[in-house]
Amino acid sequence: MNKPLFLASENTFARRLLGNAGITVDVMAADLDDRALEAPLEETGASAEDVALVLAEAKATEASGRQPGLLRS
């Protein structure tokens, strides 16, 4: 049995997309304010890709802080 992928977001579209691909997902939404993290990045002209990467890393780090061992490099 494969371990589930932990999704640190409540994004319904992402959950459905992964589920449709046959990937088991456990949702553990990060307790972060996405907009507060995005604002300074957008002010510096960061690309959408850079913003997405920063948000993903922040969510993974926050969620793994509540569940040590989830975040693997």
C-alpha atoms as a PDB file:
ATOM      1  CA  MET A   1       0.000   0.000   0.000  1.00  0.00           C
ATOM      2  CA  ASN A   2       1.329   3.403  -0.974  1.00  0.00           C
ATOM      3  CA  LYS A   3       1.541   6.167   1.570  1.00  0.00           C
ATOM      4  CA  PRO A   4      -0.800   9.068   0.900  1.00  0.00           C
ATOM      5  CA  LEU A   5       0.445  12.395  -0.366  1.00  0.00           C
ATOM      6  CA  PHE A   6      -0.102  15.085   2.243  1.00  0.00           C
ATOM      7  CA  LEU A   7      -1.682  18.159   0.708  1.00  0.00           C
ATOM      8  CA  ALA A   8      -1.058  21.256   2.819  1.00  0.00           C
ATOM      9  CA  SER A   9      -3.939  23.064   1.152  1.00  0.00           C
ATOM     10  CA  GLU A  10      -7.704  22.859   1.067  1.00  0.00           C
ATOM     11  CA  ASN A  11      -7.681  23.460  -2.690  1.00  0.00           C
ATOM     12  CA  THR A  12     -10.563  21.360  -4.000  1.00  0.00           C
ATOM     13  CA  PHE A  13      -9.260  21.406  -7.570  1.00  0.00           C
ATOM     14  CA  ALA A  14      -5.833  20.057  -6.545  1.00  0.00           C
ATOM     15  CA  ARG A  15      -7.413  17.347  -4.414  1.00  0.00           C
ATOM     16  CA  ARG A  16      -9.711  16.276  -7.256  1.00  0.00           C
ATOM     17  CA  LEU A  17      -6.903  16.366  -9.825  1.00  0.00           C
ATOM     18  CA  LEU A  18      -4.666  14.171  -7.680  1.00  0.00           C
ATOM     19  CA  GLY A  19      -7.518  11.814  -6.863  1.00  0.00           C
ATOM     20  CA  ASN A  20      -8.378  11.454 -10.547  1.00  0.00           C
ATOM     21  CA  ALA A  21      -4.744  10.529 -11.155  1.00  0.00           C
ATOM     22  CA  GLY A  22      -5.093   7.701  -8.636  1.00  0.00           C
ATOM     23  CA  ILE A  23      -3.062   9.439  -5.932  1.00  0.00           C
ATOM     24  CA  THR A  24      -4.324   9.022  -2.373  1.00  0.00           C
ATOM     25  CA  VAL A  25      -4.372  12.390  -0.639  1.00  0.00           C
ATOM     26  CA  ASP A  26      -4.620  13.346   3.018  1.00  0.00           C
ATOM     27  CA  VAL A  27      -5.441  17.020   3.474  1.00  0.00           C
ATOM     28  CA  MET A  28      -3.704  18.864   6.285  1.00  0.00           C
ATOM     29  CA  ALA A  29      -4.293  22.507   5.460  1.00  0.00           C
ATOM     30  CA  ALA A  30      -1.529  24.862   6.484  1.00  0.00           C
ATOM     31  CA  ASP A  31      -2.470  27.642   8.869  1.00  0.00           C
ATOM     32  CA  LEU A  32      -1.103  30.472   6.725  1.00  0.00           C
ATOM     33  CA  ASP A  33      -2.446  33.649   5.174  1.00  0.00           C
ATOM     34  CA  ASP A  34      -1.647  33.152   1.485  1.00  0.00           C
ATOM     35  CA  ARG A  35      -2.359  36.791   0.629  1.00  0.00           C
ATOM     36  CA  ALA A  36       0.004  38.077   3.323  1.00  0.00           C
ATOM     37  CA  LEU A  37       2.789  35.913   1.879  1.00  0.00           C
ATOM     38  CA  GLU A  38       2.009  36.872  -1.727  1.00  0.00           C
ATOM     39  CA  ALA A  39       1.873  40.660  -1.270  1.00  0.00           C
ATOM     40  CA  PRO A  40       5.584  41.373  -0.671  1.00  0.00           C
ATOM     41  CA  LEU A  41       6.565  38.970  -3.444  1.00  0.00           C
ATOM     42  CA  GLU A  42       4.279  40.660  -5.942  1.00  0.00           C
ATOM     43  CA  GLU A  43       5.624  44.074  -4.913  1.00  0.00           C
ATOM     44  CA  THR A  44       9.124  42.944  -5.873  1.00  0.00           C
ATOM     45  CA  GLY A  45       7.933  41.689  -9.251  1.00  0.00           C
ATOM     46  CA  ALA A  46       8.254  37.985  -8.460  1.00  0.00           C
ATOM     47  CA  SER A  47       6.906  35.702 -11.156  1.00  0.00           C
ATOM     48  CA  ALA A  48       3.771  33.629 -10.621  1.00  0.00           C
ATOM     49  CA  GLU A  49       5.997  30.546 -10.552  1.00  0.00           C
ATOM     50  CA  ASP A  50       8.176  32.023  -7.793  1.00  0.00           C
ATOM     51  CA  VAL A  51       5.107  32.972  -5.750  1.00  0.00           C
ATOM     52  CA  ALA A  52       3.701  29.452  -6.132  1.00  0.00           C
ATOM     53  CA  LEU A  53       7.005  27.895  -5.050  1.00  0.00           C
ATOM     54  CA  VAL A  54       7.290  30.124  -1.976  1.00  0.00           C
ATOM     55  CA  LEU A  55       3.695  29.342  -0.968  1.00  0.00           C
ATOM     56  CA  ALA A  56       4.212  25.609  -1.482  1.00  0.00           C
ATOM     57  CA  GLU A  57       7.360  25.572   0.622  1.00  0.00           C
ATOM     58  CA  ALA A  58       5.782  27.682   3.378  1.00  0.00           C
ATOM     59  CA  LYS A  59       2.724  25.409   3.508  1.00  0.00           C
ATOM     60  CA  ALA A  60       4.825  22.253   3.577  1.00  0.00           C
ATOM     61  CA  THR A  61       7.055  23.639   6.315  1.00  0.00           C
ATOM     62  CA  GLU A  62       4.109  24.784   8.443  1.00  0.00           C
ATOM     63  CA  ALA A  63       2.232  21.493   8.065  1.00  0.00           C
ATOM     64  CA  SER A  64       5.311  19.400   8.784  1.00  0.00           C
ATOM     65  CA  GLY A  65       5.891  21.394  11.963  1.00  0.00           C
ATOM     66  CA  ARG A  66       2.636  19.931  13.249  1.00  0.00           C
ATOM     67  CA  GLN A  67       3.508  16.443  11.987  1.00  0.00           C
ATOM     68  CA  PRO A  68       7.278  15.883  12.234  1.00  0.00           C
ATOM     69  CA  GLY A  69       8.603  13.558   9.561  1.00  0.00           C
ATOM     70  CA  LEU A  70       6.159  14.548   6.820  1.00  0.00           C
ATOM     71  CA  LEU A  71       8.543  16.827   4.961  1.00  0.00           C
ATOM     72  CA  ARG A  72      11.322  14.940   3.224  1.00  0.00           C
ATOM     73  CA  SER A  73      14.026  16.402   1.075  1.00  0.00           C
END
